[in-house]
Amino acid sequence: MSDESFLVVGLGNPGKEYAGNRHNVGFMVADLLATRVGAKFGRAKRAHADMAEGRLGFGGPKLVLVKPLTYMNLSGAPVVSLAQFFKVPVENVIAVHDELDVPFGQVRAKRGGGEGGHNGLRSMSKSLSSKEYARVRFGIGRPPGRQDPADYVLSDFSGAERKELEFLVDRAADVVEAVVLEGVEWAQNKYHGG
């Protein structure tokens, strides 16, 4: 039985009105991961977040899945609270988020780096006092024409995108599992081909 724990943070905004937004893809991936490990989300007692716990595979590492309920720009507070409670080191924290700088249809893994203007990542970096957590970046591409990026991320996926969304959320969950089981570099080698 592995005693290693990982905190997987699906970034998004709470509330039904945001559920289908590009900015909420982190919540979608967290929901799928909870299904995969046979866990159900409930309100965390120690943080303003929904949380689910399960093991990745029989006797595998423990996953603490987190969906902060603080809105994106304040995501860091519940993350650091739960990381401290579960004694998860920053290198075992994985943020799953939408990424404007990655084309739609691609999922990328990386460790550390900048936040690219993403308020959820900025809040996490500040609260964790580190940028050295892993990221699973779900490509949403750049907004069309002159659309404001803030409006774009808070809009729902297009009809054409929704046709691929389930497959891509599944792929992003695979990337998270690969990061947990094999590490970021291994996940990059396996999944960055397309």
C-alpha atoms as a PDB file:
ATOM      1  CA  MET A   1       0.000   0.000   0.000  1.00  0.00           C
ATOM      2  CA  SER A   2       1.559   3.282  -1.106  1.00  0.00           C
ATOM      3  CA  ASP A   3       1.709   5.949   1.589  1.00  0.00           C
ATOM      4  CA  GLU A   4       2.326   8.707  -0.955  1.00  0.00           C
ATOM      5  CA  SER A   5      -0.426  11.310  -1.375  1.00  0.00           C
ATOM      6  CA  PHE A   6      -1.139  13.700  -4.236  1.00  0.00           C
ATOM      7  CA  LEU A   7      -3.371  16.762  -4.140  1.00  0.00           C
ATOM      8  CA  VAL A   8      -5.062  17.136  -7.540  1.00  0.00           C
ATOM      9  CA  VAL A   9      -6.661  20.567  -7.855  1.00  0.00           C
ATOM     10  CA  GLY A  10      -9.281  21.028 -10.548  1.00  0.00           C
ATOM     11  CA  LEU A  11      -9.510  24.772 -11.102  1.00  0.00           C
ATOM     12  CA  GLY A  12     -12.863  26.336 -11.889  1.00  0.00           C
ATOM     13  CA  ASN A  13     -15.622  28.544 -10.570  1.00  0.00           C
ATOM     14  CA  PRO A  14     -18.483  27.246  -8.408  1.00  0.00           C
ATOM     15  CA  GLY A  15     -22.084  27.540  -9.546  1.00  0.00           C
ATOM     16  CA  LYS A  16     -24.246  26.108 -12.310  1.00  0.00           C
ATOM     17  CA  GLU A  17     -23.834  29.198 -14.483  1.00  0.00           C
ATOM     18  CA  TYR A  18     -20.095  28.422 -14.876  1.00  0.00           C
ATOM     19  CA  ALA A  19     -20.353  24.627 -15.234  1.00  0.00           C
ATOM     20  CA  GLY A  20     -19.824  24.457 -19.013  1.00  0.00           C
ATOM     21  CA  ASN A  21     -17.270  27.290 -19.243  1.00  0.00           C
ATOM     22  CA  ARG A  22     -13.810  26.777 -20.698  1.00  0.00           C
ATOM     23  CA  HIS A  23     -12.450  28.072 -17.369  1.00  0.00           C
ATOM     24  CA  ASN A  24     -14.125  25.127 -15.590  1.00  0.00           C
ATOM     25  CA  VAL A  25     -12.421  22.296 -17.411  1.00  0.00           C
ATOM     26  CA  GLY A  26     -10.388  21.579 -14.250  1.00  0.00           C
ATOM     27  CA  PHE A  27     -13.635  20.739 -12.429  1.00  0.00           C
ATOM     28  CA  MET A  28     -14.637  18.437 -15.313  1.00  0.00           C
ATOM     29  CA  VAL A  29     -11.348  16.515 -15.098  1.00  0.00           C
ATOM     30  CA  ALA A  30     -11.569  16.277 -11.285  1.00  0.00           C
ATOM     31  CA  ASP A  31     -15.104  14.863 -11.591  1.00  0.00           C
ATOM     32  CA  LEU A  32     -13.913  12.184 -14.007  1.00  0.00           C
ATOM     33  CA  LEU A  33     -10.951  11.275 -11.776  1.00  0.00           C
ATOM     34  CA  ALA A  34     -13.328  10.898  -8.811  1.00  0.00           C
ATOM     35  CA  THR A  35     -15.441   8.483 -10.882  1.00  0.00           C
ATOM     36  CA  ARG A  36     -12.318   6.533 -11.858  1.00  0.00           C
ATOM     37  CA  VAL A  37     -11.193   6.059  -8.242  1.00  0.00           C
ATOM     38  CA  GLY A  38     -14.734   5.373  -6.982  1.00  0.00           C
ATOM     39  CA  ALA A  39     -14.932   8.503  -4.834  1.00  0.00           C
ATOM     40  CA  LYS A  40     -17.697  11.057  -4.338  1.00  0.00           C
ATOM     41  CA  PHE A  41     -17.187  14.763  -3.770  1.00  0.00           C
ATOM     42  CA  GLY A  42     -18.302  16.239  -0.468  1.00  0.00           C
ATOM     43  CA  ARG A  43     -17.670  19.510   1.306  1.00  0.00           C
ATOM     44  CA  ALA A  44     -14.214  19.659   2.915  1.00  0.00           C
ATOM     45  CA  LYS A  45     -14.441  20.484   6.625  1.00  0.00           C
ATOM     46  CA  ARG A  46     -11.095  22.284   6.672  1.00  0.00           C
ATOM     47  CA  ALA A  47     -11.355  24.378   3.529  1.00  0.00           C
ATOM     48  CA  HIS A  48     -13.846  26.121   1.280  1.00  0.00           C
ATOM     49  CA  ALA A  49     -13.730  23.336  -1.290  1.00  0.00           C
ATOM     50  CA  ASP A  50     -15.364  20.140  -2.479  1.00  0.00           C
ATOM     51  CA  MET A  51     -13.081  17.173  -1.916  1.00  0.00           C
ATOM     52  CA  ALA A  52     -12.938  13.468  -2.760  1.00  0.00           C
ATOM     53  CA  GLU A  53     -10.364  10.859  -1.720  1.00  0.00           C
ATOM     54  CA  GLY A  54      -9.408   7.591  -3.342  1.00  0.00           C
ATOM     55  CA  ARG A  55      -6.503   5.413  -4.420  1.00  0.00           C
ATOM     56  CA  LEU A  56      -5.120   5.213  -7.917  1.00  0.00           C
ATOM     57  CA  GLY A  57      -5.228   1.500  -8.580  1.00  0.00           C
ATOM     58  CA  PHE A  58      -5.135  -1.215  -5.950  1.00  0.00           C
ATOM     59  CA  GLY A  59      -2.775  -0.067  -3.200  1.00  0.00           C
ATOM     60  CA  GLY A  60      -1.629   2.852  -5.325  1.00  0.00           C
ATOM     61  CA  PRO A  61      -0.976   6.433  -4.264  1.00  0.00           C
ATOM     62  CA  LYS A  62      -3.730   8.339  -2.497  1.00  0.00           C
ATOM     63  CA  LEU A  63      -5.453  11.044  -4.521  1.00  0.00           C
ATOM     64  CA  VAL A  64      -7.039  13.977  -2.745  1.00  0.00           C
ATOM     65  CA  LEU A  65      -9.183  15.606  -5.420  1.00  0.00           C
ATOM     66  CA  VAL A  66     -10.072  19.230  -4.778  1.00  0.00           C
ATOM     67  CA  LYS A  67     -12.472  21.681  -6.409  1.00  0.00           C
ATOM     68  CA  PRO A  68     -12.035  25.068  -4.664  1.00  0.00           C
ATOM     69  CA  LEU A  69     -15.330  26.875  -4.085  1.00  0.00           C
ATOM     70  CA  THR A  70     -13.746  30.295  -3.649  1.00  0.00           C
ATOM     71  CA  TYR A  71     -13.822  31.455  -7.279  1.00  0.00           C
ATOM     72  CA  MET A  72     -10.709  31.242  -9.388  1.00  0.00           C
ATOM     73  CA  ASN A  73      -8.733  34.204  -8.048  1.00  0.00           C
ATOM     74  CA  LEU A  74      -8.844  32.866  -4.456  1.00  0.00           C
ATOM     75  CA  SER A  75      -8.186  29.174  -5.203  1.00  0.00           C
ATOM     76  CA  GLY A  76      -4.896  29.092  -3.315  1.00  0.00           C
ATOM     77  CA  ALA A  77      -6.286  29.340   0.239  1.00  0.00           C
ATOM     78  CA  PRO A  78      -8.219  26.036   0.228  1.00  0.00           C
ATOM     79  CA  VAL A  79      -5.366  24.347  -1.669  1.00  0.00           C
ATOM     80  CA  VAL A  80      -2.704  25.252   0.889  1.00  0.00           C
ATOM     81  CA  SER A  81      -5.035  24.379   3.776  1.00  0.00           C
ATOM     82  CA  LEU A  82      -5.663  20.864   2.411  1.00  0.00           C
ATOM     83  CA  ALA A  83      -2.018  20.362   1.356  1.00  0.00           C
ATOM     84  CA  GLN A  84      -0.962  21.109   4.932  1.00  0.00           C
ATOM     85  CA  PHE A  85      -3.659  18.914   6.482  1.00  0.00           C
ATOM     86  CA  PHE A  86      -2.830  15.905   4.283  1.00  0.00           C
ATOM     87  CA  LYS A  87       0.931  16.638   4.504  1.00  0.00           C
ATOM     88  CA  VAL A  88       1.247  16.775   0.712  1.00  0.00           C
ATOM     89  CA  PRO A  89       4.542  18.378  -0.397  1.00  0.00           C
ATOM     90  CA  VAL A  90       4.326  21.033  -3.110  1.00  0.00           C
ATOM     91  CA  GLU A  91       5.929  18.684  -5.660  1.00  0.00           C
ATOM     92  CA  ASN A  92       2.905  16.353  -5.206  1.00  0.00           C
ATOM     93  CA  VAL A  93       0.378  19.110  -5.917  1.00  0.00           C
ATOM     94  CA  ILE A  94      -1.089  19.011  -9.442  1.00  0.00           C
ATOM     95  CA  ALA A  95      -3.194  21.855 -10.850  1.00  0.00           C
ATOM     96  CA  VAL A  96      -5.555  21.001 -13.726  1.00  0.00           C
ATOM     97  CA  HIS A  97      -6.516  24.125 -15.643  1.00  0.00           C
ATOM     98  CA  ASP A  98      -7.554  25.694 -18.929  1.00  0.00           C
ATOM     99  CA  GLU A  99      -4.681  27.115 -20.995  1.00  0.00           C
ATOM    100  CA  LEU A 100      -5.008  29.849 -23.624  1.00  0.00           C
ATOM    101  CA  ASP A 101      -1.457  29.249 -24.911  1.00  0.00           C
ATOM    102  CA  VAL A 102      -2.134  25.614 -25.836  1.00  0.00           C
ATOM    103  CA  PRO A 103      -4.356  24.905 -28.880  1.00  0.00           C
ATOM    104  CA  PHE A 104      -7.730  23.275 -28.274  1.00  0.00           C
ATOM    105  CA  GLY A 105      -7.373  19.506 -28.532  1.00  0.00           C
ATOM    106  CA  GLN A 106      -3.993  19.336 -26.801  1.00  0.00           C
ATOM    107  CA  VAL A 107      -3.173  18.537 -23.178  1.00  0.00           C
ATOM    108  CA  ARG A 108       0.245  19.377 -21.779  1.00  0.00           C
ATOM    109  CA  ALA A 109       2.016  18.551 -18.521  1.00  0.00           C
ATOM    110  CA  LYS A 110       4.723  20.659 -16.932  1.00  0.00           C
ATOM    111  CA  ARG A 111       6.265  21.499 -13.594  1.00  0.00           C
ATOM    112  CA  GLY A 112       6.686  25.053 -12.387  1.00  0.00           C
ATOM    113  CA  GLY A 113       6.924  28.111 -14.588  1.00  0.00           C
ATOM    114  CA  GLY A 114       4.805  31.208 -14.858  1.00  0.00           C
ATOM    115  CA  GLU A 115       1.060  31.572 -14.493  1.00  0.00           C
ATOM    116  CA  GLY A 116       0.392  33.055 -17.954  1.00  0.00           C
ATOM    117  CA  GLY A 117      -2.178  35.458 -16.513  1.00  0.00           C
ATOM    118  CA  HIS A 118      -4.218  32.577 -15.026  1.00  0.00           C
ATOM    119  CA  ASN A 119      -5.691  33.866 -11.757  1.00  0.00           C
ATOM    120  CA  GLY A 120      -6.141  30.378 -10.297  1.00  0.00           C
ATOM    121  CA  LEU A 121      -2.463  29.544 -10.795  1.00  0.00           C
ATOM    122  CA  ARG A 122      -1.403  32.958  -9.508  1.00  0.00           C
ATOM    123  CA  SER A 123      -3.410  32.393  -6.319  1.00  0.00           C
ATOM    124  CA  MET A 124      -1.994  28.874  -5.872  1.00  0.00           C
ATOM    125  CA  SER A 125       1.606  30.039  -6.374  1.00  0.00           C
ATOM    126  CA  LYS A 126       1.140  32.831  -3.836  1.00  0.00           C
ATOM    127  CA  SER A 127      -0.538  30.618  -1.221  1.00  0.00           C
ATOM    128  CA  LEU A 128       1.921  27.728  -1.655  1.00  0.00           C
ATOM    129  CA  SER A 129       4.889  30.177  -1.737  1.00  0.00           C
ATOM    130  CA  SER A 130       6.124  28.153  -4.698  1.00  0.00           C
ATOM    131  CA  LYS A 131       5.571  27.661  -8.413  1.00  0.00           C
ATOM    132  CA  GLU A 132       7.088  24.170  -8.377  1.00  0.00           C
ATOM    133  CA  TYR A 133       3.830  22.255  -8.437  1.00  0.00           C
ATOM    134  CA  ALA A 134       2.833  20.235 -11.518  1.00  0.00           C
ATOM    135  CA  ARG A 135       0.315  21.525 -14.023  1.00  0.00           C
ATOM    136  CA  VAL A 136      -1.902  19.653 -16.445  1.00  0.00           C
ATOM    137  CA  ARG A 137      -2.726  22.301 -19.033  1.00  0.00           C
ATOM    138  CA  PHE A 138      -5.928  21.730 -21.000  1.00  0.00           C
ATOM    139  CA  GLY A 139      -5.643  23.647 -24.256  1.00  0.00           C
ATOM    140  CA  ILE A 140      -8.526  25.983 -25.046  1.00  0.00           C
ATOM    141  CA  GLY A 141      -6.670  28.080 -27.624  1.00  0.00           C
ATOM    142  CA  ARG A 142      -6.864  31.825 -28.117  1.00  0.00           C
ATOM    143  CA  PRO A 143     -10.169  33.690 -28.466  1.00  0.00           C
ATOM    144  CA  PRO A 144     -11.339  34.365 -32.023  1.00  0.00           C
ATOM    145  CA  GLY A 145     -10.970  37.847 -33.474  1.00  0.00           C
ATOM    146  CA  ARG A 146     -10.797  40.566 -30.861  1.00  0.00           C
ATOM    147  CA  GLN A 147     -12.765  38.796 -28.159  1.00  0.00           C
ATOM    148  CA  ASP A 148     -11.503  39.612 -24.668  1.00  0.00           C
ATOM    149  CA  PRO A 149      -9.688  36.580 -23.191  1.00  0.00           C
ATOM    150  CA  ALA A 150     -11.601  37.072 -19.906  1.00  0.00           C
ATOM    151  CA  ASP A 151     -14.927  36.778 -21.759  1.00  0.00           C
ATOM    152  CA  TYR A 152     -13.635  33.830 -23.788  1.00  0.00           C
ATOM    153  CA  VAL A 153     -12.619  31.709 -20.786  1.00  0.00           C
ATOM    154  CA  LEU A 154     -15.962  32.425 -19.097  1.00  0.00           C
ATOM    155  CA  SER A 155     -17.929  31.281 -22.146  1.00  0.00           C
ATOM    156  CA  ASP A 156     -19.022  27.714 -22.851  1.00  0.00           C
ATOM    157  CA  PHE A 157     -17.212  25.462 -25.280  1.00  0.00           C
ATOM    158  CA  SER A 158     -18.503  25.759 -28.850  1.00  0.00           C
ATOM    159  CA  GLY A 159     -20.721  23.083 -30.377  1.00  0.00           C
ATOM    160  CA  ALA A 160     -17.793  21.712 -32.404  1.00  0.00           C
ATOM    161  CA  GLU A 161     -15.549  21.671 -29.312  1.00  0.00           C
ATOM    162  CA  ARG A 162     -18.223  19.905 -27.237  1.00  0.00           C
ATOM    163  CA  LYS A 163     -18.109  16.992 -29.692  1.00  0.00           C
ATOM    164  CA  GLU A 164     -14.478  16.381 -28.657  1.00  0.00           C
ATOM    165  CA  LEU A 165     -14.735  17.518 -25.041  1.00  0.00           C
ATOM    166  CA  GLU A 166     -15.482  14.150 -23.424  1.00  0.00           C
ATOM    167  CA  PHE A 167     -12.498  12.544 -25.172  1.00  0.00           C
ATOM    168  CA  LEU A 168     -10.199  15.421 -24.183  1.00  0.00           C
ATOM    169  CA  VAL A 169     -11.333  15.423 -20.540  1.00  0.00           C
ATOM    170  CA  ASP A 170     -10.622  11.683 -20.541  1.00  0.00           C
ATOM    171  CA  ARG A 171      -7.155  12.335 -21.990  1.00  0.00           C
ATOM    172  CA  ALA A 172      -6.452  15.031 -19.379  1.00  0.00           C
ATOM    173  CA  ALA A 173      -7.401  12.550 -16.618  1.00  0.00           C
ATOM    174  CA  ASP A 174      -4.964  10.063 -18.201  1.00  0.00           C
ATOM    175  CA  VAL A 175      -2.238  12.726 -18.090  1.00  0.00           C
ATOM    176  CA  VAL A 176      -2.932  13.401 -14.393  1.00  0.00           C
ATOM    177  CA  GLU A 177      -2.654   9.674 -13.637  1.00  0.00           C
ATOM    178  CA  ALA A 178       0.600   9.485 -15.628  1.00  0.00           C
ATOM    179  CA  VAL A 179       2.060  12.428 -13.666  1.00  0.00           C
ATOM    180  CA  VAL A 180       1.130  10.718 -10.382  1.00  0.00           C
ATOM    181  CA  LEU A 181       2.410   7.264 -11.319  1.00  0.00           C
ATOM    182  CA  GLU A 182       5.383   8.059 -13.581  1.00  0.00           C
ATOM    183  CA  GLY A 183       6.244  11.744 -13.199  1.00  0.00           C
ATOM    184  CA  VAL A 184       5.916  14.877 -15.315  1.00  0.00           C
ATOM    185  CA  GLU A 185       8.743  14.053 -17.731  1.00  0.00           C
ATOM    186  CA  TRP A 186       7.306  10.610 -18.521  1.00  0.00           C
ATOM    187  CA  ALA A 187       3.854  12.135 -19.071  1.00  0.00           C
ATOM    188  CA  GLN A 188       5.368  14.741 -21.417  1.00  0.00           C
ATOM    189  CA  ASN A 189       7.093  12.048 -23.478  1.00  0.00           C
ATOM    190  CA  LYS A 190       3.915   9.974 -23.741  1.00  0.00           C
ATOM    191  CA  TYR A 191       1.285  12.666 -24.321  1.00  0.00           C
ATOM    192  CA  HIS A 192       2.947  15.628 -26.025  1.00  0.00           C
ATOM    193  CA  GLY A 193       2.984  13.955 -29.421  1.00  0.00           C
ATOM    194  CA  GLY A 194      -0.427  15.259 -30.400  1.00  0.00           C
END
